[in-house]
Amino acid sequence: MSRAERLREALTGGRGARWHPTDALVRGLVLGVGLVVAGAVLHRVELVLIGAPLLISTLVALVTPVGGTPVVGVRGLPLTGEVGAAKSSVEVDAGFGAEVLAIRLPVAGEGIGPVHLLPASAREIGFVLRRDAWGEGVDLRPDHLVAGPDALLVHGPVTAPERGRVILPPVERLPAGLLPARAAGLVGAHRARRPGDSVELRDIRAFQPGDRLRRIDWRVSVRTGALHVREHHAEADADVVLALDTRVDLGEDVGDWAVALRDTTARRGGTLDRTVRAAASLAAGYLRQGDRVSLVDLARPRLSLRAGVGRRQLLRLRNQLVVCARWAGWAQRPVLRPEQVPHGALVVVLSPFLDADVVELAVHAARRGNLVLAVDVLPERLRADGESVWEESAMKVIRLEHDVRLEAMRQHGVAVVSWGAPIGGVLRQARAARRVTR
């Protein structure tokens, strides 16, 4: 049996985190002593010549000092990360007298990876982690075993704790976001109705006590013979509420809609994946221009995130999107409480809109005076499994009912757009909806 085979056998033997002899040591002692004794008794020199080297090598391995407690630690593995490749490393202290280290290291794109055989003198082992999907997952589990001379004494195997990261949903860069129906504050990137100090002209009026001299429009004043001043719009920030429908996760295959997910990973390209990606991208765009963004899970309101601004809010929101996806599942009715929506806020409802409840929720938000944008995340192309003659007819019914719900929202002043549509079409839909709601 080769040294590598001995190590793999020991690694799967389950002896625990302590130094202990392997079966090769027992076989070496028994066979060596047996051959030497048998050769001496039977006066067979060839038996002694075979058994003596085996016995001597085993005794040499035994007298070689081996000890210490091997320590394996992970370095450079953050709690959160981005989609793609990331570097990390494992620091190893194999103790004294060890010769070989067997350790499980990840291979990019292949999970926790196979067992690698390395010299025990290795102190830091670098590797590349790669995750191409957002969400939670295990990146590393450095199971290890340390072997002494000839792998006759080993420490382990040790099953290490799993180490993973939360891969944040990717952010797609979008143009400036949609304007809210009304401004909520006096500082921001949007034009408010009230006067202020922006560069956009609001009106020219007669001079009043308290007006600043630098606002005097001298041309108009000279022409009219009386002092007139320029009045500008105020710049205001906006409140944006991202309302997520996480009750279902549907892919392009209609036949799989009745199959529930068995893990915490969203279907690639499904409605939940599109919802999370859209929410992260929209939030990044609004936060970039200084707006306040909050998150509401329509299926589980307790997972909602309060409004905030800046890069920290974007990081919190992306983490919370992963939490919402982890707890995604069917709920009887979507909930959007009035206290979760500030007056005049822009409400972005992200849903596949396959039932009337979420449509009513969006319409009620618009009736309360908010600008509502309905983002349809249903995949553009739906496929039937072909196992039944009624599949195509059922899919047409699903599409027709879906279109009826979208048209009903449009008639009530809700801007409707499919995720992935050109941003120009989104802006036109929002302007049309704002004209209806005013």
Protein backbone atom coordinates (compact mmCIF):
# COMPACT_ATOMS: atom_id res chain seq x y z
CA MET A 1 0.00 0.00 0.00
CA SER A 2 1.41 3.40 -1.02
CA ARG A 3 1.72 6.37 1.35
CA ALA A 4 -1.13 8.21 -0.41
CA GLU A 5 -3.41 5.19 0.01
CA ARG A 6 -2.55 5.00 3.70
CA LEU A 7 -3.39 8.67 4.17
CA ARG A 8 -6.73 8.38 2.38
CA GLU A 9 -7.58 5.28 4.41
CA ALA A 10 -6.70 7.13 7.62
CA LEU A 11 -8.65 10.20 6.56
CA THR A 12 -11.82 8.14 6.23
CA GLY A 13 -11.17 6.03 9.31
CA GLY A 14 -12.70 8.46 11.78
CA ARG A 15 -10.12 8.20 14.59
CA GLY A 16 -10.53 11.85 15.70
CA ALA A 17 -8.27 14.76 16.61
CA ARG A 18 -5.40 12.90 18.29
CA TRP A 19 -2.18 11.16 17.35
CA HIS A 20 -2.77 7.45 16.82
CA PRO A 21 -1.14 4.58 14.92
CA THR A 22 -2.52 3.48 11.58
CA ASP A 23 -3.18 -0.08 10.51
CA ALA A 24 0.06 0.07 8.50
CA LEU A 25 2.02 0.40 11.76
CA VAL A 26 0.33 -2.62 13.28
CA ARG A 27 0.83 -4.66 10.14
CA GLY A 28 4.49 -3.60 9.93
CA LEU A 29 5.22 -4.63 13.50
CA VAL A 30 3.33 -7.90 13.35
CA LEU A 31 4.62 -8.89 9.94
CA GLY A 32 8.21 -7.80 10.66
CA VAL A 33 8.41 -9.62 13.98
CA GLY A 34 6.66 -12.65 12.54
CA LEU A 35 9.00 -12.97 9.58
CA VAL A 36 12.14 -12.52 11.72
CA VAL A 37 10.97 -15.09 14.31
CA ALA A 38 9.83 -17.50 11.63
CA GLY A 39 13.18 -17.19 9.84
CA ALA A 40 15.10 -17.81 13.06
CA VAL A 41 12.99 -20.84 14.02
CA LEU A 42 12.96 -22.36 10.57
CA HIS A 43 16.55 -21.34 9.80
CA ARG A 44 15.35 -19.54 6.68
CA VAL A 45 17.58 -16.56 5.97
CA GLU A 46 15.32 -15.17 3.24
CA LEU A 47 12.49 -14.70 5.75
CA VAL A 48 14.77 -12.73 8.03
CA LEU A 49 16.00 -10.60 5.11
CA ILE A 50 12.41 -9.76 4.21
CA GLY A 51 11.15 -9.12 7.74
CA ALA A 52 14.15 -7.24 9.19
CA PRO A 53 13.93 -4.12 6.94
CA LEU A 54 10.20 -3.93 7.54
CA LEU A 55 10.66 -4.19 11.30
CA ILE A 56 13.57 -1.70 11.36
CA SER A 57 11.72 0.93 9.30
CA THR A 58 8.70 0.60 11.57
CA LEU A 59 10.83 1.01 14.71
CA VAL A 60 12.60 4.05 13.21
CA ALA A 61 9.22 5.67 12.51
CA LEU A 62 8.17 4.96 16.11
CA VAL A 63 11.26 6.51 17.70
CA THR A 64 11.05 9.65 15.53
CA PRO A 65 9.53 12.36 17.75
CA VAL A 66 6.09 13.39 16.51
CA GLY A 67 3.71 15.56 18.47
CA GLY A 68 1.93 18.82 18.93
CA THR A 69 -1.62 19.69 18.01
CA PRO A 70 -1.98 20.65 14.35
CA VAL A 71 -3.92 23.88 13.87
CA VAL A 72 -5.66 24.93 10.66
CA GLY A 73 -7.16 28.43 10.33
CA VAL A 74 -8.89 30.26 7.52
CA ARG A 75 -7.63 33.69 6.54
CA GLY A 76 -9.12 36.36 4.32
CA LEU A 77 -12.66 34.97 4.09
CA PRO A 78 -15.19 37.79 4.65
CA LEU A 79 -18.77 37.27 5.75
CA THR A 80 -20.13 38.83 2.57
CA GLY A 81 -18.87 39.02 -0.97
CA GLU A 82 -19.69 39.75 -4.58
CA VAL A 83 -20.49 37.38 -7.40
CA GLY A 84 -17.31 36.08 -9.03
CA ALA A 85 -13.87 35.01 -7.87
CA ALA A 86 -12.29 35.80 -4.52
CA LYS A 87 -8.97 34.84 -2.96
CA SER A 88 -8.51 33.27 0.45
CA SER A 89 -5.97 31.10 2.22
CA VAL A 90 -5.52 28.50 4.95
CA GLU A 91 -2.82 28.85 7.60
CA VAL A 92 -1.41 25.54 8.88
CA ASP A 93 0.70 24.63 11.89
CA ALA A 94 1.32 20.86 11.57
CA GLY A 95 3.21 20.43 14.85
CA PHE A 96 6.68 18.82 14.94
CA GLY A 97 7.90 15.66 13.24
CA ALA A 98 5.11 15.57 10.66
CA GLU A 99 5.87 14.85 7.02
CA VAL A 100 2.63 14.99 5.06
CA LEU A 101 -0.55 17.07 5.27
CA ALA A 102 -3.83 15.88 3.76
CA ILE A 103 -6.30 18.76 3.59
CA ARG A 104 -9.55 19.43 1.77
CA LEU A 105 -9.30 22.60 -0.31
CA PRO A 106 -11.94 24.18 -2.53
CA VAL A 107 -11.69 24.24 -6.28
CA ALA A 108 -13.15 27.29 -8.03
CA GLY A 109 -16.73 26.52 -8.98
CA GLU A 110 -16.72 22.97 -7.48
CA GLY A 111 -17.74 23.48 -3.86
CA ILE A 112 -15.59 22.45 -0.92
CA GLY A 113 -13.32 20.43 -3.20
CA PRO A 114 -11.21 17.25 -2.93
CA VAL A 115 -8.43 16.26 -0.55
CA HIS A 116 -4.94 17.51 -1.45
CA LEU A 117 -1.66 15.93 -0.30
CA LEU A 118 0.95 18.55 0.63
CA PRO A 119 4.22 18.62 2.58
CA ALA A 120 3.70 19.29 6.27
CA SER A 121 6.11 22.22 6.02
CA ALA A 122 3.43 24.25 4.23
CA ARG A 123 2.41 27.24 6.34
CA GLU A 124 -0.02 29.17 4.14
CA ILE A 125 -2.00 27.68 1.26
CA GLY A 126 -3.77 30.06 -1.09
CA PHE A 127 -6.77 29.20 -3.26
CA VAL A 128 -9.50 30.85 -5.30
CA LEU A 129 -13.17 30.76 -4.41
CA ARG A 130 -15.79 31.30 -7.05
CA ARG A 131 -19.55 31.72 -6.75
CA ASP A 132 -21.64 32.68 -9.76
CA ALA A 133 -24.97 33.00 -7.95
CA TRP A 134 -26.04 35.31 -5.13
CA GLY A 135 -27.26 33.92 -1.82
CA GLU A 136 -25.91 31.90 1.06
CA GLY A 137 -23.58 28.98 0.57
CA VAL A 138 -20.63 26.99 1.90
CA ASP A 139 -17.29 27.92 0.34
CA LEU A 140 -14.81 26.02 2.46
CA ARG A 141 -14.49 23.12 4.90
CA PRO A 142 -10.82 22.46 5.58
CA ASP A 143 -10.96 18.86 6.82
CA HIS A 144 -7.39 17.78 7.51
CA LEU A 145 -5.08 14.98 8.62
CA VAL A 146 -1.38 15.22 9.52
CA ALA A 147 0.90 12.19 9.10
CA GLY A 148 4.29 11.36 10.61
CA PRO A 149 7.12 9.38 8.94
CA ASP A 150 5.81 6.77 6.48
CA ALA A 151 2.25 7.66 7.57
CA LEU A 152 2.48 5.20 10.46
CA LEU A 153 1.30 7.81 13.00
CA VAL A 154 -1.40 10.30 12.08
CA HIS A 155 -3.35 13.08 13.74
CA GLY A 156 -6.96 13.14 12.70
CA PRO A 157 -8.92 13.12 10.57
CA VAL A 158 -10.47 16.38 11.78
CA THR A 159 -13.77 17.49 10.28
CA ALA A 160 -13.52 21.27 10.25
CA PRO A 161 -16.50 23.60 10.59
CA GLU A 162 -18.04 24.84 7.37
CA ARG A 163 -17.15 28.37 6.35
CA GLY A 164 -19.32 30.28 3.94
CA ARG A 165 -20.21 33.73 2.70
CA VAL A 166 -23.33 35.62 1.79
CA ILE A 167 -22.98 36.57 -1.85
CA LEU A 168 -24.82 39.84 -2.30
CA PRO A 169 -27.20 40.31 -5.24
CA PRO A 170 -25.43 41.99 -8.16
CA VAL A 171 -26.18 45.61 -8.97
CA GLU A 172 -26.84 46.66 -12.54
CA ARG A 173 -26.08 50.29 -13.22
CA LEU A 174 -29.23 52.13 -14.25
CA PRO A 175 -29.87 55.72 -15.33
CA ALA A 176 -31.43 58.17 -12.89
CA GLY A 177 -34.50 56.74 -11.25
CA LEU A 178 -38.13 57.72 -11.63
CA LEU A 179 -39.32 60.97 -10.09
CA PRO A 180 -41.71 60.63 -7.18
CA ALA A 181 -45.19 62.13 -7.31
CA ARG A 182 -44.30 64.72 -4.64
CA ALA A 183 -41.13 65.65 -2.85
CA ALA A 184 -40.78 64.90 0.84
CA GLY A 185 -37.88 67.13 1.93
CA LEU A 186 -35.86 70.19 1.04
CA VAL A 187 -32.54 68.60 0.12
CA GLY A 188 -32.06 66.23 -2.76
CA ALA A 189 -31.83 65.72 -6.51
CA HIS A 190 -35.47 66.25 -7.55
CA ARG A 191 -37.41 69.42 -8.26
CA ALA A 192 -39.97 70.30 -5.61
CA ARG A 193 -43.05 72.52 -5.99
CA ARG A 194 -41.98 74.90 -3.24
CA PRO A 195 -39.47 77.72 -3.84
CA GLY A 196 -35.83 77.24 -2.96
CA ASP A 197 -32.23 77.72 -4.10
CA SER A 198 -31.84 75.41 -7.07
CA VAL A 199 -30.75 76.55 -10.54
CA GLU A 200 -34.14 75.86 -12.16
CA LEU A 201 -36.28 79.00 -12.56
CA ARG A 202 -39.72 78.85 -10.98
CA ASP A 203 -41.10 82.40 -11.39
CA ILE A 204 -40.25 86.11 -11.61
CA ARG A 205 -42.16 88.25 -9.14
CA ALA A 206 -42.11 91.74 -7.59
CA PHE A 207 -39.53 92.44 -4.91
CA GLN A 208 -40.71 91.90 -1.31
CA PRO A 209 -39.08 92.85 1.99
CA GLY A 210 -36.66 90.09 2.99
CA ASP A 211 -35.67 89.08 -0.57
CA ARG A 212 -31.95 88.85 -1.21
CA LEU A 213 -30.40 91.45 -3.47
CA ARG A 214 -28.54 88.82 -5.49
CA ARG A 215 -31.88 87.46 -6.69
CA ILE A 216 -32.89 90.73 -8.37
CA ASP A 217 -33.49 90.36 -12.09
CA TRP A 218 -32.08 93.70 -13.32
CA ARG A 219 -33.30 93.35 -16.90
CA VAL A 220 -36.91 92.91 -15.86
CA SER A 221 -36.53 95.61 -13.20
CA VAL A 222 -35.19 98.16 -15.71
CA ARG A 223 -37.88 97.33 -18.24
CA THR A 224 -40.78 97.57 -15.78
CA GLY A 225 -39.40 100.35 -13.60
CA ALA A 226 -39.88 98.27 -10.41
CA LEU A 227 -37.65 95.72 -8.69
CA HIS A 228 -38.31 92.10 -9.57
CA VAL A 229 -36.59 88.97 -8.27
CA ARG A 230 -36.02 85.47 -9.66
CA GLU A 231 -37.61 82.62 -7.73
CA HIS A 232 -36.18 79.11 -8.12
CA HIS A 233 -37.45 75.66 -7.31
CA ALA A 234 -36.24 73.82 -4.23
CA GLU A 235 -34.33 70.59 -4.68
CA ALA A 236 -35.91 67.74 -2.72
CA ASP A 237 -35.09 64.15 -1.99
CA ALA A 238 -37.59 61.33 -2.37
CA ASP A 239 -38.89 58.40 -0.36
CA VAL A 240 -38.76 55.14 -2.33
CA VAL A 241 -40.43 51.97 -1.07
CA LEU A 242 -39.37 48.71 -2.72
CA ALA A 243 -42.21 46.22 -2.19
CA LEU A 244 -41.19 42.61 -2.94
CA ASP A 245 -43.60 39.77 -3.69
CA THR A 246 -41.65 36.73 -2.44
CA ARG A 247 -44.58 34.33 -2.23
CA VAL A 248 -43.63 32.35 -5.35
CA ASP A 249 -40.52 31.56 -7.34
CA LEU A 250 -41.46 30.65 -10.90
CA GLY A 251 -39.21 29.79 -13.81
CA GLU A 252 -39.77 29.56 -17.52
CA ASP A 253 -41.02 25.95 -17.35
CA VAL A 254 -44.69 26.09 -16.43
CA GLY A 255 -44.64 22.40 -15.53
CA ASP A 256 -42.26 23.12 -12.62
CA TRP A 257 -44.43 25.79 -11.03
CA ALA A 258 -46.02 23.28 -8.68
CA VAL A 259 -42.61 22.01 -7.49
CA ALA A 260 -41.45 23.80 -4.35
CA LEU A 261 -37.79 24.62 -3.83
CA ARG A 262 -35.97 22.31 -1.45
CA ASP A 263 -33.14 24.68 -0.54
CA THR A 264 -32.54 28.37 0.05
CA THR A 265 -31.34 29.07 -3.48
CA ALA A 266 -33.59 30.92 -5.90
CA ARG A 267 -34.16 29.51 -9.35
CA ARG A 268 -31.67 30.94 -11.82
CA GLY A 269 -33.64 33.36 -13.96
CA GLY A 270 -36.84 32.77 -11.98
CA THR A 271 -39.16 35.41 -10.61
CA LEU A 272 -37.46 35.54 -7.20
CA ASP A 273 -34.03 35.91 -8.78
CA ARG A 274 -35.29 38.67 -11.08
CA THR A 275 -37.08 40.38 -8.17
CA VAL A 276 -33.97 40.47 -6.00
CA ARG A 277 -31.71 41.65 -8.82
CA ALA A 278 -34.17 44.37 -9.83
CA ALA A 279 -34.59 45.57 -6.25
CA ALA A 280 -30.83 45.77 -5.69
CA SER A 281 -30.28 47.69 -8.94
CA LEU A 282 -33.14 50.12 -8.34
CA ALA A 283 -32.04 50.71 -4.76
CA ALA A 284 -28.49 51.46 -5.89
CA GLY A 285 -29.76 53.97 -8.45
CA TYR A 286 -31.99 55.84 -6.00
CA LEU A 287 -29.44 55.85 -3.21
CA ARG A 288 -26.82 57.14 -5.61
CA GLN A 289 -28.87 60.29 -6.15
CA GLY A 290 -29.50 60.81 -2.44
CA ASP A 291 -33.01 59.39 -2.02
CA ARG A 292 -34.27 57.46 1.00
CA VAL A 293 -34.98 53.82 0.20
CA SER A 294 -36.85 51.26 2.31
CA LEU A 295 -37.67 47.60 1.70
CA VAL A 296 -40.96 45.81 2.36
CA ASP A 297 -41.48 42.05 2.05
CA LEU A 298 -45.16 41.73 1.12
CA ALA A 299 -45.30 38.10 2.27
CA ARG A 300 -43.47 38.64 5.58
CA PRO A 301 -43.64 42.26 6.77
CA ARG A 302 -41.37 41.50 9.74
CA LEU A 303 -38.45 41.20 7.29
CA SER A 304 -38.88 44.77 6.11
CA LEU A 305 -36.04 47.30 6.29
CA ARG A 306 -36.49 50.90 7.41
CA ALA A 307 -35.66 53.79 5.10
CA GLY A 308 -32.10 55.04 4.93
CA VAL A 309 -29.57 56.72 2.67
CA GLY A 310 -26.02 56.17 1.52
CA ARG A 311 -23.76 53.22 0.87
CA ARG A 312 -24.43 51.62 4.25
CA GLN A 313 -28.13 51.47 3.43
CA LEU A 314 -27.36 49.76 0.13
CA LEU A 315 -25.23 47.16 1.92
CA ARG A 316 -27.98 46.57 4.50
CA LEU A 317 -30.59 46.33 1.79
CA ARG A 318 -28.63 43.80 -0.28
CA ASN A 319 -28.10 41.65 2.81
CA GLN A 320 -31.79 41.89 3.65
CA LEU A 321 -32.72 40.80 0.14
CA VAL A 322 -30.82 37.56 0.75
CA VAL A 323 -32.72 37.11 4.02
CA CYS A 324 -36.04 37.67 2.25
CA ALA A 325 -35.09 35.08 -0.38
CA ARG A 326 -34.12 32.60 2.34
CA TRP A 327 -37.59 32.83 3.93
CA ALA A 328 -39.47 33.10 0.64
CA GLY A 329 -42.64 31.05 0.44
CA TRP A 330 -46.34 31.19 -0.02
CA ALA A 331 -48.42 33.54 2.11
CA GLN A 332 -52.17 33.88 1.93
CA ARG A 333 -52.24 37.60 1.25
CA PRO A 334 -49.64 40.29 0.56
CA VAL A 335 -49.47 43.04 3.18
CA LEU A 336 -48.41 46.66 2.72
CA ARG A 337 -49.24 48.68 5.82
CA PRO A 338 -49.97 52.43 5.46
CA GLU A 339 -47.26 53.28 8.00
CA GLN A 340 -44.68 51.59 5.76
CA VAL A 341 -45.36 54.05 2.93
CA PRO A 342 -44.60 57.75 3.61
CA HIS A 343 -47.00 60.21 2.06
CA GLY A 344 -45.93 61.07 -1.47
CA ALA A 345 -43.41 58.22 -1.70
CA LEU A 346 -42.68 56.28 -4.84
CA VAL A 347 -43.83 52.67 -4.39
CA VAL A 348 -42.13 50.09 -6.60
CA VAL A 349 -44.01 46.78 -6.53
CA LEU A 350 -41.95 43.88 -7.90
CA SER A 351 -44.08 40.82 -8.61
CA PRO A 352 -45.06 38.32 -11.34
CA PHE A 353 -48.67 39.53 -10.81
CA LEU A 354 -50.27 36.12 -11.03
CA ASP A 355 -53.08 36.84 -8.58
CA ALA A 356 -55.49 39.68 -7.88
CA ASP A 357 -54.30 40.36 -4.32
CA VAL A 358 -51.04 42.03 -5.29
CA VAL A 359 -52.84 43.99 -8.02
CA GLU A 360 -55.30 45.36 -5.46
CA LEU A 361 -52.41 46.28 -3.20
CA ALA A 362 -50.74 48.33 -5.96
CA VAL A 363 -54.03 50.05 -6.88
CA HIS A 364 -54.76 50.95 -3.25
CA ALA A 365 -51.29 52.47 -2.90
CA ALA A 366 -51.97 54.63 -5.96
CA ARG A 367 -55.34 55.73 -4.60
CA ARG A 368 -53.63 56.94 -1.43
CA GLY A 369 -51.78 59.49 -3.56
CA ASN A 370 -48.50 57.69 -4.21
CA LEU A 371 -46.82 57.22 -7.53
CA VAL A 372 -46.77 53.44 -8.01
CA LEU A 373 -44.51 51.59 -10.42
CA ALA A 374 -45.38 47.91 -11.03
CA VAL A 375 -42.33 45.96 -12.19
CA ASP A 376 -43.38 42.70 -13.84
CA VAL A 377 -40.73 40.02 -13.22
CA LEU A 378 -42.50 37.13 -14.96
CA PRO A 379 -40.14 35.58 -17.54
CA GLU A 380 -40.84 36.78 -21.05
CA ARG A 381 -40.92 33.28 -22.53
CA LEU A 382 -42.87 30.51 -20.86
CA ARG A 383 -42.40 26.90 -21.90
CA ALA A 384 -44.85 24.02 -21.62
CA ASP A 385 -43.51 20.58 -20.74
CA GLY A 386 -45.50 18.94 -23.56
CA GLU A 387 -46.73 16.04 -21.47
CA SER A 388 -50.37 17.03 -21.83
CA VAL A 389 -52.40 18.24 -24.79
CA TRP A 390 -53.77 21.01 -22.58
CA GLU A 391 -50.39 22.55 -21.74
CA GLU A 392 -50.41 25.13 -24.53
CA SER A 393 -54.01 26.13 -23.82
CA ALA A 394 -53.30 26.48 -20.09
CA MET A 395 -50.27 28.64 -20.82
CA LYS A 396 -52.31 30.93 -23.06
CA VAL A 397 -54.88 31.34 -20.30
CA ILE A 398 -52.11 32.23 -17.84
CA ARG A 399 -50.75 34.84 -20.22
CA LEU A 400 -54.18 36.36 -20.93
CA GLU A 401 -55.07 36.62 -17.23
CA HIS A 402 -51.66 38.15 -16.57
CA ASP A 403 -52.17 40.76 -19.30
CA VAL A 404 -55.62 41.60 -17.93
CA ARG A 405 -54.15 42.30 -14.48
CA LEU A 406 -51.44 44.55 -15.92
CA GLU A 407 -54.00 46.49 -17.96
CA ALA A 408 -56.24 46.90 -14.89
CA MET A 409 -53.32 48.52 -13.03
CA ARG A 410 -52.62 50.85 -15.94
CA GLN A 411 -56.24 52.00 -15.95
CA HIS A 412 -55.92 52.92 -12.26
CA GLY A 413 -52.85 55.07 -12.83
CA VAL A 414 -50.16 52.53 -12.01
CA ALA A 415 -47.10 52.58 -14.28
CA VAL A 416 -46.37 49.04 -15.48
CA VAL A 417 -43.09 47.89 -16.96
CA SER A 418 -41.36 44.55 -17.45
CA TRP A 419 -37.96 44.18 -15.86
CA GLY A 420 -35.37 44.50 -18.58
CA ALA A 421 -37.37 46.97 -20.67
CA PRO A 422 -35.58 50.12 -21.89
CA ILE A 423 -35.44 52.81 -19.22
CA GLY A 424 -36.97 55.32 -21.62
CA GLY A 425 -40.18 53.33 -21.70
CA VAL A 426 -40.18 53.22 -17.90
CA LEU A 427 -39.90 57.00 -17.69
CA ARG A 428 -42.74 57.52 -20.14
CA GLN A 429 -44.94 55.11 -18.16
CA ALA A 430 -44.16 56.96 -14.93
CA ARG A 431 -44.97 60.36 -16.42
CA ALA A 432 -48.27 59.05 -17.78
CA ALA A 433 -49.16 57.55 -14.41
CA ARG A 434 -48.29 60.80 -12.62
CA ARG A 435 -50.60 62.76 -14.90
CA VAL A 436 -53.44 60.37 -14.04
CA THR A 437 -52.87 60.46 -10.28
CA ARG A 438 -52.59 64.27 -9.97
